[in-house]
C-alpha atoms as a PDB file:
ATOM      1  CA  MET A   1     -30.378 -25.217-111.494  1.00  0.00           C
ATOM      2  CA  LYS A   2     -26.657 -24.476-111.683  1.00  0.00           C
ATOM      3  CA  LYS A   3     -27.443 -20.973-112.887  1.00  0.00           C
ATOM      4  CA  LEU A   4     -29.664 -20.360-109.885  1.00  0.00           C
ATOM      5  CA  PHE A   5     -26.978 -21.649-107.492  1.00  0.00           C
ATOM      6  CA  PHE A   6     -24.413 -19.352-109.096  1.00  0.00           C
ATOM      7  CA  ILE A   7     -26.690 -16.336-108.729  1.00  0.00           C
ATOM      8  CA  VAL A   8     -27.394 -17.084-105.027  1.00  0.00           C
ATOM      9  CA  SER A   9     -23.722 -17.643-104.280  1.00  0.00           C
ATOM     10  CA  SER A  10     -22.788 -14.378-105.973  1.00  0.00           C
ATOM     11  CA  LEU A  11     -25.475 -12.522-104.025  1.00  0.00           C
ATOM     12  CA  VAL A  12     -24.216 -13.929-100.715  1.00  0.00           C
ATOM     13  CA  ALA A  13     -20.662 -12.928-101.605  1.00  0.00           C
ATOM     14  CA  VAL A  14     -21.729  -9.373-102.442  1.00  0.00           C
ATOM     15  CA  ILE A  15     -23.648  -9.078 -99.178  1.00  0.00           C
ATOM     16  CA  LEU A  16     -20.588 -10.255 -97.186  1.00  0.00           C
ATOM     17  CA  VAL A  17     -18.326  -7.771 -98.965  1.00  0.00           C
ATOM     18  CA  ILE A  18     -20.753  -4.898 -98.292  1.00  0.00           C
ATOM     19  CA  SER A  19     -21.071  -5.906 -94.625  1.00  0.00           C
ATOM     20  CA  ILE A  20     -17.280  -5.945 -94.195  1.00  0.00           C
ATOM     21  CA  ILE A  21     -16.905  -2.532 -95.856  1.00  0.00           C
ATOM     22  CA  ASN A  22     -19.617  -1.002 -93.644  1.00  0.00           C
ATOM     23  CA  TYR A  23     -18.060  -2.491 -90.495  1.00  0.00           C
ATOM     24  CA  GLU A  24     -14.621  -1.045 -91.321  1.00  0.00           C
ATOM     25  CA  ARG A  25     -16.186   2.365 -91.998  1.00  0.00           C
ATOM     26  CA  SER A  26     -17.978   2.259 -88.656  1.00  0.00           C
ATOM     27  CA  LEU A  27     -14.655   1.602 -86.909  1.00  0.00           C
ATOM     28  CA  LYS A  28     -13.026   4.555 -88.628  1.00  0.00           C
ATOM     29  CA  ASP A  29     -15.920   6.911 -87.935  1.00  0.00           C
ATOM     30  CA  SER A  30     -16.359   5.997 -84.286  1.00  0.00           C
ATOM     31  CA  SER A  31     -14.215   7.785 -81.714  1.00  0.00           C
ATOM     32  CA  PRO A  32     -11.685   5.593 -79.960  1.00  0.00           C
ATOM     33  CA  SER A  33     -12.956   3.968 -76.809  1.00  0.00           C
ATOM     34  CA  LYS A  34     -11.720   5.360 -73.499  1.00  0.00           C
ATOM     35  CA  ASN A  35     -10.835   3.352 -70.430  1.00  0.00           C
ATOM     36  CA  ILE A  36     -12.680   4.803 -67.444  1.00  0.00           C
ATOM     37  CA  VAL A  37     -10.203   5.159 -64.595  1.00  0.00           C
ATOM     38  CA  ASN A  38     -11.484   6.100 -61.184  1.00  0.00           C
ATOM     39  CA  PRO A  39      -9.493   8.900 -59.580  1.00  0.00           C
ATOM     40  CA  PRO A  40      -7.072   7.587 -56.967  1.00  0.00           C
ATOM     41  CA  VAL A  41      -8.435   7.646 -53.454  1.00  0.00           C
ATOM     42  CA  SER A  42      -6.149   9.867 -51.426  1.00  0.00           C
ATOM     43  CA  GLU A  43      -4.921   8.250 -48.220  1.00  0.00           C
ATOM     44  CA  GLN A  44      -6.066  10.047 -45.109  1.00  0.00           C
ATOM     45  CA  LYS A  45      -3.081  11.739 -43.552  1.00  0.00           C
ATOM     46  CA  PRO A  46      -2.636  11.248 -39.813  1.00  0.00           C
ATOM     47  CA  ALA A  47      -3.399  14.261 -37.695  1.00  0.00           C
ATOM     48  CA  PRO A  48      -0.380  16.396 -36.781  1.00  0.00           C
ATOM     49  CA  LEU A  49       1.164  15.376 -33.479  1.00  0.00           C
ATOM     50  CA  GLN A  50       0.058  17.571 -30.593  1.00  0.00           C
ATOM     51  CA  PRO A  51       2.341  17.569 -27.547  1.00  0.00           C
ATOM     52  CA  ILE A  52       1.077  17.029 -24.033  1.00  0.00           C
ATOM     53  CA  PRO A  53       3.349  19.479 -22.205  1.00  0.00           C
ATOM     54  CA  VAL A  54       5.694  18.453 -19.423  1.00  0.00           C
ATOM     55  CA  THR A  55       7.547  21.791 -19.493  1.00  0.00           C
ATOM     56  CA  ASP A  56       7.167  24.801 -21.777  1.00  0.00           C
ATOM     57  CA  ARG A  57       9.293  23.033 -24.437  1.00  0.00           C
ATOM     58  CA  ILE A  58       9.261  19.349 -23.566  1.00  0.00           C
ATOM     59  CA  GLY A  59       6.272  17.098 -24.129  1.00  0.00           C
ATOM     60  CA  TYR A  60       4.999  13.798 -25.481  1.00  0.00           C
ATOM     61  CA  THR A  61       2.077  12.309 -27.380  1.00  0.00           C
ATOM     62  CA  LEU A  62       0.438   8.895 -27.595  1.00  0.00           C
ATOM     63  CA  GLN A  63      -1.245   9.607 -30.919  1.00  0.00           C
ATOM     64  CA  ASN A  64      -1.266   6.870 -33.570  1.00  0.00           C
ATOM     65  CA  ASN A  65      -0.625   4.286 -30.846  1.00  0.00           C
ATOM     66  CA  GLU A  66       3.002   5.422 -30.518  1.00  0.00           C
ATOM     67  CA  LEU A  67       4.930   7.194 -27.801  1.00  0.00           C
ATOM     68  CA  ASN A  68       6.717  10.193 -29.293  1.00  0.00           C
ATOM     69  CA  ILE A  69       8.604  12.853 -27.372  1.00  0.00           C
ATOM     70  CA  THR A  70       9.612  16.381 -28.300  1.00  0.00           C
ATOM     71  CA  TYR A  71      12.174  18.792 -26.917  1.00  0.00           C
ATOM     72  CA  ASP A  72      11.135  21.802 -29.004  1.00  0.00           C
ATOM     73  CA  ASN A  73       7.380  22.025 -28.468  1.00  0.00           C
ATOM     74  CA  GLY A  74       6.452  19.703 -31.318  1.00  0.00           C
ATOM     75  CA  ILE A  75       8.733  20.914 -34.117  1.00  0.00           C
ATOM     76  CA  ASN A  76      10.735  17.678 -34.041  1.00  0.00           C
ATOM     77  CA  TRP A  77       9.725  14.312 -32.622  1.00  0.00           C
ATOM     78  CA  VAL A  78      11.523  11.172 -31.448  1.00  0.00           C
ATOM     79  CA  THR A  79       9.746   7.808 -31.282  1.00  0.00           C
ATOM     80  CA  VAL A  80      10.352   5.858 -28.085  1.00  0.00           C
ATOM     81  CA  PRO A  81      10.949   2.133 -28.770  1.00  0.00           C
ATOM     82  CA  VAL A  82       8.146   0.873 -26.571  1.00  0.00           C
ATOM     83  CA  VAL A  83       4.728  -0.749 -27.027  1.00  0.00           C
ATOM     84  CA  VAL A  84       2.164   1.746 -25.768  1.00  0.00           C
ATOM     85  CA  ASP A  85      -0.018  -0.906 -24.128  1.00  0.00           C
ATOM     86  CA  HIS A  86       2.958  -1.977 -22.000  1.00  0.00           C
ATOM     87  CA  LEU A  87       2.948   1.452 -20.345  1.00  0.00           C
ATOM     88  CA  PHE A  88      -0.521   0.826 -18.937  1.00  0.00           C
ATOM     89  CA  SER A  89      -0.587  -2.908 -18.263  1.00  0.00           C
ATOM     90  CA  GLY A  90      -1.621  -4.186 -14.874  1.00  0.00           C
ATOM     91  CA  GLU A  91      -4.348  -2.834 -12.634  1.00  0.00           C
ATOM     92  CA  TYR A  92      -4.963   0.487 -14.357  1.00  0.00           C
ATOM     93  CA  ASN A  93      -8.333   1.702 -15.595  1.00  0.00           C
ATOM     94  CA  GLY A  94      -7.596   5.377 -16.028  1.00  0.00           C
ATOM     95  CA  ASN A  95      -7.084   7.676 -19.000  1.00  0.00           C
ATOM     96  CA  LYS A  96      -4.818   6.108 -21.630  1.00  0.00           C
ATOM     97  CA  THR A  97      -4.420   9.247 -23.736  1.00  0.00           C
ATOM     98  CA  GLU A  98      -1.858  10.483 -21.201  1.00  0.00           C
ATOM     99  CA  LEU A  99       0.940   8.679 -19.393  1.00  0.00           C
ATOM    100  CA  ILE A 100       0.366   7.568 -15.801  1.00  0.00           C
ATOM    101  CA  PRO A 101       1.739  10.271 -13.472  1.00  0.00           C
ATOM    102  CA  ASP A 102       5.118   9.390 -11.920  1.00  0.00           C
ATOM    103  CA  SER A 103       5.565   6.379 -14.240  1.00  0.00           C
ATOM    104  CA  PHE A 104       8.000   8.318 -16.428  1.00  0.00           C
ATOM    105  CA  ILE A 105      10.695  10.994 -16.429  1.00  0.00           C
ATOM    106  CA  LEU A 106      11.006  13.532 -19.216  1.00  0.00           C
ATOM    107  CA  SER A 107      13.489  16.364 -18.791  1.00  0.00           C
ATOM    108  CA  ASP A 108      16.418  18.068 -20.490  1.00  0.00           C
ATOM    109  CA  LYS A 109      18.747  15.526 -18.895  1.00  0.00           C
ATOM    110  CA  SER A 110      16.891  12.256 -19.313  1.00  0.00           C
ATOM    111  CA  ALA A 111      13.868  10.367 -20.558  1.00  0.00           C
ATOM    112  CA  ALA A 112      12.739   7.181 -18.820  1.00  0.00           C
ATOM    113  CA  PHE A 113       9.571   5.081 -19.046  1.00  0.00           C
ATOM    114  CA  LEU A 114       8.412   2.106 -16.992  1.00  0.00           C
ATOM    115  CA  THR A 115       6.877  -0.845 -18.814  1.00  0.00           C
ATOM    116  CA  THR A 116       4.897  -3.206 -16.635  1.00  0.00           C
ATOM    117  CA  ILE A 117       4.123  -6.329 -18.636  1.00  0.00           C
ATOM    118  CA  GLY A 118       6.308  -9.380 -18.091  1.00  0.00           C
ATOM    119  CA  PRO A 119       9.562  -8.306 -16.439  1.00  0.00           C
ATOM    120  CA  ILE A 120       9.298  -4.714 -15.218  1.00  0.00           C
ATOM    121  CA  LYS A 121      11.635  -2.688 -17.423  1.00  0.00           C
ATOM    122  CA  LEU A 122      12.957   0.845 -17.587  1.00  0.00           C
ATOM    123  CA  ILE A 123      13.445   2.251 -21.095  1.00  0.00           C
ATOM    124  CA  ALA A 124      15.771   5.236 -20.818  1.00  0.00           C
ATOM    125  CA  SER A 125      17.758   7.753 -22.855  1.00  0.00           C
ATOM    126  CA  LEU A 126      20.362  10.272 -21.730  1.00  0.00           C
ATOM    127  CA  ASP A 127      20.821  11.962 -25.126  1.00  0.00           C
ATOM    128  CA  ASN A 128      17.360  13.294 -25.976  1.00  0.00           C
ATOM    129  CA  GLY A 129      16.278  10.048 -27.591  1.00  0.00           C
ATOM    130  CA  ALA A 130      19.240   9.477 -29.914  1.00  0.00           C
ATOM    131  CA  THR A 131      19.952   6.154 -28.185  1.00  0.00           C
ATOM    132  CA  TRP A 132      17.982   4.040 -25.725  1.00  0.00           C
ATOM    133  CA  GLN A 133      18.865   1.453 -23.122  1.00  0.00           C
ATOM    134  CA  GLU A 134      16.609  -1.145 -21.551  1.00  0.00           C
ATOM    135  CA  SER A 135      17.168  -2.438 -18.036  1.00  0.00           C
ATOM    136  CA  ILE A 136      15.214  -4.951 -15.978  1.00  0.00           C
ATOM    137  CA  VAL A 137      13.888  -3.646 -12.666  1.00  0.00           C
ATOM    138  CA  TYR A 138      12.119  -6.798 -11.509  1.00  0.00           C
ATOM    139  CA  GLU A 139      11.723 -10.167 -13.193  1.00  0.00           C
ATOM    140  CA  ASN A 140       8.590 -11.694 -11.738  1.00  0.00           C
ATOM    141  CA  ALA A 141       6.227  -8.901 -10.815  1.00  0.00           C
ATOM    142  CA  PRO A 142       2.471  -9.501 -10.506  1.00  0.00           C
ATOM    143  CA  ALA A 143      -0.154  -7.287 -12.146  1.00  0.00           C
ATOM    144  CA  ILE A 144       0.981  -3.797 -11.209  1.00  0.00           C
ATOM    145  CA  ARG A 145      -1.227  -1.204  -9.509  1.00  0.00           C
ATOM    146  CA  PHE A 146       1.110   1.535  -8.247  1.00  0.00           C
ATOM    147  CA  ARG A 147       4.224   2.487 -10.229  1.00  0.00           C
ATOM    148  CA  LYS A 148       6.719   5.295  -9.774  1.00  0.00           C
ATOM    149  CA  VAL A 149      10.212   6.098 -11.018  1.00  0.00           C
ATOM    150  CA  ASP A 150      12.484   8.966 -10.033  1.00  0.00           C
ATOM    151  CA  PHE A 151      16.160   9.925 -10.053  1.00  0.00           C
ATOM    152  CA  LEU A 152      17.806  12.308  -7.612  1.00  0.00           C
ATOM    153  CA  ASN A 153      20.958  12.613  -9.723  1.00  0.00           C
ATOM    154  CA  ASP A 154      22.724  10.905 -12.618  1.00  0.00           C
ATOM    155  CA  GLN A 155      23.407   7.765 -10.592  1.00  0.00           C
ATOM    156  CA  PHE A 156      20.868   7.349  -7.785  1.00  0.00           C
ATOM    157  CA  GLY A 157      17.268   6.524  -8.550  1.00  0.00           C
ATOM    158  CA  TYR A 158      14.430   4.330  -7.411  1.00  0.00           C
ATOM    159  CA  VAL A 159      11.328   2.506  -8.641  1.00  0.00           C
ATOM    160  CA  ILE A 160       8.338   1.796  -6.392  1.00  0.00           C
ATOM    161  CA  LEU A 161       5.882  -0.928  -7.404  1.00  0.00           C
ATOM    162  CA  SER A 162       2.799  -2.540  -5.953  1.00  0.00           C
ATOM    163  CA  GLY A 163       0.396  -5.145  -7.244  1.00  0.00           C
ATOM    164  CA  ASP A 164      -1.408  -8.441  -6.776  1.00  0.00           C
ATOM    165  CA  ARG A 165      -4.110  -6.611  -4.855  1.00  0.00           C
ATOM    166  CA  THR A 166      -6.742  -8.502  -2.918  1.00  0.00           C
ATOM    167  CA  MET A 167      -9.295  -6.137  -1.400  1.00  0.00           C
ATOM    168  CA  SER A 168      -7.198  -3.810   0.797  1.00  0.00           C
ATOM    169  CA  GLN A 169      -3.993  -5.874   0.759  1.00  0.00           C
ATOM    170  CA  GLU A 170      -1.206  -6.059  -1.818  1.00  0.00           C
ATOM    171  CA  TRP A 171       2.452  -6.743  -2.483  1.00  0.00           C
ATOM    172  CA  SER A 172       4.749  -3.724  -2.715  1.00  0.00           C
ATOM    173  CA  SER A 173       8.471  -3.142  -2.994  1.00  0.00           C
ATOM    174  CA  ILE A 174      11.087  -0.523  -3.790  1.00  0.00           C
ATOM    175  CA  PHE A 175      14.056  -0.963  -6.110  1.00  0.00           C
ATOM    176  CA  ILE A 176      17.247   1.090  -5.913  1.00  0.00           C
ATOM    177  CA  THR A 177      19.836   1.910  -8.577  1.00  0.00           C
ATOM    178  CA  ASN A 178      23.253   3.428  -7.944  1.00  0.00           C
ATOM    179  CA  ASP A 179      24.516   3.228 -11.526  1.00  0.00           C
ATOM    180  CA  GLY A 180      22.101   5.408 -13.449  1.00  0.00           C
ATOM    181  CA  GLY A 181      19.495   2.704 -13.988  1.00  0.00           C
ATOM    182  CA  ASN A 182      21.733   0.020 -15.484  1.00  0.00           C
ATOM    183  CA  SER A 183      20.890  -2.320 -12.619  1.00  0.00           C
ATOM    184  CA  PHE A 184      18.497  -2.378  -9.667  1.00  0.00           C
ATOM    185  CA  ARG A 185      18.485  -4.060  -6.282  1.00  0.00           C
ATOM    186  CA  GLU A 186      15.340  -4.805  -4.336  1.00  0.00           C
ATOM    187  CA  ALA A 187      15.315  -3.015  -1.011  1.00  0.00           C
ATOM    188  CA  SER A 188      13.985  -4.576   2.161  1.00  0.00           C
ATOM    189  CA  SER A 189      10.314  -4.198   3.003  1.00  0.00           C
ATOM    190  CA  PRO A 190       8.634  -2.434   5.935  1.00  0.00           C
ATOM    191  CA  GLY A 191       6.552  -5.585   6.362  1.00  0.00           C
ATOM    192  CA  THR A 192       3.094  -4.168   5.711  1.00  0.00           C
ATOM    193  CA  THR A 193       0.615  -5.346   3.088  1.00  0.00           C
ATOM    194  CA  ARG A 194      -1.596  -2.236   3.159  1.00  0.00           C
ATOM    195  CA  LEU A 195      -2.119  -0.438  -0.149  1.00  0.00           C
ATOM    196  CA  ILE A 196       0.726   1.937  -0.839  1.00  0.00           C
ATOM    197  CA  TYR A 197      -0.130   5.601  -1.292  1.00  0.00           C
ATOM    198  CA  ASN A 198       3.244   7.044  -2.282  1.00  0.00           C
ATOM    199  CA  GLY A 199       6.949   6.972  -1.614  1.00  0.00           C
ATOM    200  CA  SER A 200      10.102   8.984  -2.253  1.00  0.00           C
ATOM    201  CA  PHE A 201      13.687   9.729  -1.266  1.00  0.00           C
ATOM    202  CA  VAL A 202      14.998  13.105  -0.147  1.00  0.00           C
ATOM    203  CA  ASN A 203      18.625  12.009  -0.607  1.00  0.00           C
ATOM    204  CA  GLU A 204      20.527   8.802  -1.317  1.00  0.00           C
ATOM    205  CA  LYS A 205      20.005   7.520   2.236  1.00  0.00           C
ATOM    206  CA  ILE A 206      16.706   8.867   3.535  1.00  0.00           C
ATOM    207  CA  GLY A 207      13.504   7.610   1.977  1.00  0.00           C
ATOM    208  CA  PHE A 208       9.852   7.203   2.865  1.00  0.00           C
ATOM    209  CA  LEU A 209       6.908   4.929   2.098  1.00  0.00           C
ATOM    210  CA  SER A 210       3.351   6.007   2.852  1.00  0.00           C
ATOM    211  CA  TYR A 211       0.508   3.461   3.149  1.00  0.00           C
ATOM    212  CA  GLY A 212      -3.244   3.615   3.566  1.00  0.00           C
ATOM    213  CA  VAL A 213      -5.517   4.271   0.592  1.00  0.00           C
ATOM    214  CA  ILE A 214      -8.874   2.890   1.725  1.00  0.00           C
ATOM    215  CA  ASN A 215     -10.421   4.680   4.720  1.00  0.00           C
ATOM    216  CA  PRO A 216      -7.192   5.604   6.548  1.00  0.00           C
ATOM    217  CA  GLU A 217      -7.569   6.897  10.109  1.00  0.00           C
ATOM    218  CA  GLU A 218      -3.960   7.859  10.820  1.00  0.00           C
ATOM    219  CA  PRO A 219      -0.695   8.086   8.872  1.00  0.00           C
ATOM    220  CA  ASP A 220       1.042   4.777   8.215  1.00  0.00           C
ATOM    221  CA  PHE A 221       4.495   6.073   7.351  1.00  0.00           C
ATOM    222  CA  TYR A 222       7.892   4.355   7.190  1.00  0.00           C
ATOM    223  CA  VAL A 223      11.372   5.810   6.950  1.00  0.00           C
ATOM    224  CA  THR A 224      14.756   4.409   5.935  1.00  0.00           C
ATOM    225  CA  THR A 225      18.022   6.129   6.740  1.00  0.00           C
ATOM    226  CA  ASP A 226      20.256   3.525   5.067  1.00  0.00           C
ATOM    227  CA  ALA A 227      19.001   3.494   1.463  1.00  0.00           C
ATOM    228  CA  GLY A 228      16.311   0.882   2.004  1.00  0.00           C
ATOM    229  CA  TYR A 229      18.238  -1.773   3.916  1.00  0.00           C
ATOM    230  CA  SER A 230      16.000  -1.237   6.960  1.00  0.00           C
ATOM    231  CA  TRP A 231      12.772   0.620   7.754  1.00  0.00           C
ATOM    232  CA  ASN A 232      11.197   2.123  10.847  1.00  0.00           C
ATOM    233  CA  GLN A 233       7.660   3.319  11.358  1.00  0.00           C
ATOM    234  CA  ALA A 234       7.571   7.069  11.864  1.00  0.00           C
ATOM    235  CA  SER A 235       5.496   8.616  14.637  1.00  0.00           C
ATOM    236  CA  PHE A 236       3.369  11.755  14.496  1.00  0.00           C
ATOM    237  CA  THR A 237       2.340  13.991  17.355  1.00  0.00           C
ATOM    238  CA  ILE A 238      -1.084  15.118  16.161  1.00  0.00           C
ATOM    239  CA  PRO A 239      -3.141  17.643  18.112  1.00  0.00           C
ATOM    240  CA  GLU A 240      -6.442  16.245  19.369  1.00  0.00           C
ATOM    241  CA  LYS A 241      -8.554  18.386  17.038  1.00  0.00           C
ATOM    242  CA  TYR A 242      -6.810  16.825  14.024  1.00  0.00           C
ATOM    243  CA  HIS A 243      -7.122  13.168  15.037  1.00  0.00           C
ATOM    244  CA  LYS A 244      -8.664  11.234  12.127  1.00  0.00           C
ATOM    245  CA  VAL A 245      -8.504  14.444  10.105  1.00  0.00           C
ATOM    246  CA  PHE A 246      -4.957  14.482   8.763  1.00  0.00           C
ATOM    247  CA  VAL A 247      -4.443  10.821   7.948  1.00  0.00           C
ATOM    248  CA  THR A 248      -2.238  10.268   4.865  1.00  0.00           C
ATOM    249  CA  ALA A 249       1.385  11.387   4.503  1.00  0.00           C
ATOM    250  CA  GLU A 250       2.539  12.844   1.212  1.00  0.00           C
ATOM    251  CA  GLU A 251       6.162  13.254   0.016  1.00  0.00           C
ATOM    252  CA  PRO A 252       8.495  14.866   2.576  1.00  0.00           C
ATOM    253  CA  TYR A 253      10.753  17.697   1.475  1.00  0.00           C
ATOM    254  CA  LYS A 254      13.741  19.574   2.839  1.00  0.00           C
ATOM    255  CA  GLU A 255      13.047  22.882   4.500  1.00  0.00           C
ATOM    256  CA  GLY A 256      16.006  24.680   6.054  1.00  0.00           C
ATOM    257  CA  ASP A 257      17.560  22.486   8.739  1.00  0.00           C
ATOM    258  CA  HIS A 258      14.664  20.045   8.933  1.00  0.00           C
ATOM    259  CA  LEU A 259      12.219  17.971   6.906  1.00  0.00           C
ATOM    260  CA  ALA A 260       8.592  18.838   6.316  1.00  0.00           C
ATOM    261  CA  VAL A 261       5.645  16.772   5.139  1.00  0.00           C
ATOM    262  CA  LEU A 262       1.988  17.445   4.418  1.00  0.00           C
ATOM    263  CA  LEU A 263      -0.730  15.137   5.720  1.00  0.00           C
ATOM    264  CA  ASN A 264      -3.917  15.179   3.697  1.00  0.00           C
ATOM    265  CA  GLN A 265      -7.412  14.103   4.727  1.00  0.00           C
ATOM    266  CA  GLY A 266      -7.609  10.953   2.636  1.00  0.00           C
ATOM    267  CA  PRO A 267     -10.445  10.132   0.233  1.00  0.00           C
ATOM    268  CA  ASN A 268     -13.256  10.927   2.696  1.00  0.00           C
ATOM    269  CA  GLY A 269     -12.015  14.062   4.441  1.00  0.00           C
ATOM    270  CA  ASP A 270     -14.500  16.875   5.049  1.00  0.00           C
ATOM    271  CA  TYR A 271     -12.641  19.226   7.385  1.00  0.00           C
ATOM    272  CA  MET A 272     -12.747  22.726   5.843  1.00  0.00           C
ATOM    273  CA  GLY A 273     -13.957  21.229   2.581  1.00  0.00           C
ATOM    274  CA  GLY A 274     -11.497  18.347   2.675  1.00  0.00           C
ATOM    275  CA  LYS A 275      -8.700  20.284   0.966  1.00  0.00           C
ATOM    276  CA  VAL A 276      -6.822  21.740   3.925  1.00  0.00           C
ATOM    277  CA  LYS A 277      -3.699  19.794   4.909  1.00  0.00           C
ATOM    278  CA  GLY A 278      -1.582  19.597   8.015  1.00  0.00           C
ATOM    279  CA  LYS A 279       2.102  20.473   7.905  1.00  0.00           C
ATOM    280  CA  PHE A 280       4.421  18.495  10.162  1.00  0.00           C
ATOM    281  CA  ILE A 281       8.173  18.908  10.648  1.00  0.00           C
ATOM    282  CA  SER A 282      10.983  16.567  11.711  1.00  0.00           C
ATOM    283  CA  PHE A 283      14.451  17.239  13.093  1.00  0.00           C
ATOM    284  CA  ASP A 284      15.559  13.583  13.295  1.00  0.00           C
ATOM    285  CA  GLN A 285      15.573  12.497   9.652  1.00  0.00           C
ATOM    286  CA  GLY A 286      11.877  11.707   9.596  1.00  0.00           C
ATOM    287  CA  LEU A 287      11.558   9.374  12.560  1.00  0.00           C
ATOM    288  CA  THR A 288       9.311  11.707  14.574  1.00  0.00           C
ATOM    289  CA  TRP A 289       7.059  14.532  13.402  1.00  0.00           C
ATOM    290  CA  LYS A 290       5.292  17.379  15.169  1.00  0.00           C
ATOM    291  CA  PHE A 291       2.490  19.602  13.979  1.00  0.00           C
ATOM    292  CA  ALA A 292       3.450  22.962  12.497  1.00  0.00           C
ATOM    293  CA  SER A 293       0.383  24.487  10.835  1.00  0.00           C
ATOM    294  CA  GLU A 294      -2.622  24.078   8.617  1.00  0.00           C
ATOM    295  CA  VAL A 295      -1.935  24.582   4.915  1.00  0.00           C
ATOM    296  CA  ALA A 296      -4.579  25.857   2.510  1.00  0.00           C
ATOM    297  CA  PRO A 297      -4.559  24.469  -1.054  1.00  0.00           C
ATOM    298  CA  ASN A 298      -3.153  27.691  -2.486  1.00  0.00           C
ATOM    299  CA  ASP A 299      -0.306  27.743   0.040  1.00  0.00           C
ATOM    300  CA  GLU A 300       1.222  24.340  -0.696  1.00  0.00           C
ATOM    301  CA  PRO A 301       4.961  24.333  -1.456  1.00  0.00           C
END
């Protein structure tokens, strides 16, 4: 019995030794295992910035949800420190791939952008975007519909705002700066709640506000000759054939020794295709206007 046990034990030991030797040989003969590494997924590069031109060299883009400006046709870019959505907040349902017309200034001399969420602010630079300043135009504005900013020189500028619209009525106001946009004062109001169409200044004293957006029948036009401290409604002498034809005043402009303004036909005009405008002139700083001529679209100043 002991002899049999010894033989079985020896056989088991031999089998174990052979198994170990074969296993080690298999490790030596087999090629080393390789870790399979997936190639790195390349990050998609953002599309090159494409300028929306303001002049032949100056432009901007809203790509990548940023406002960037260029002064050399897209070779170099400067990021404006502003949240893009704040440029469109309020009552605006238009194209958000381009800035709202008149809500910004972009020139060799200055860059300025209105933001209309919370306090109305002007973000501006006078050194091609190297530095920026932020100034408050109005603290407690409602949801903004109309917005416009402009400067006549380094010091004098204005912002026109409207909002809180209910049907064909709304709040509107104009804000004046005499220190390059560092501070603004709210001008007095003409006292109308009609929807504002446009407004402008021709110099530091004489400015205009034009009202009537929905179905206007005649110009509703106000003039200030004291930088917005008081307003008077302007009067137009309109030939009979043009009554209810030329109904909305655009921005006046200087022409020789007088002022001139174009009256368009409003949203529903159909005289001569609805595109012809009436030119009126004033010799008393915009208080009274008389008809001068019809103006075809291709003949506008």
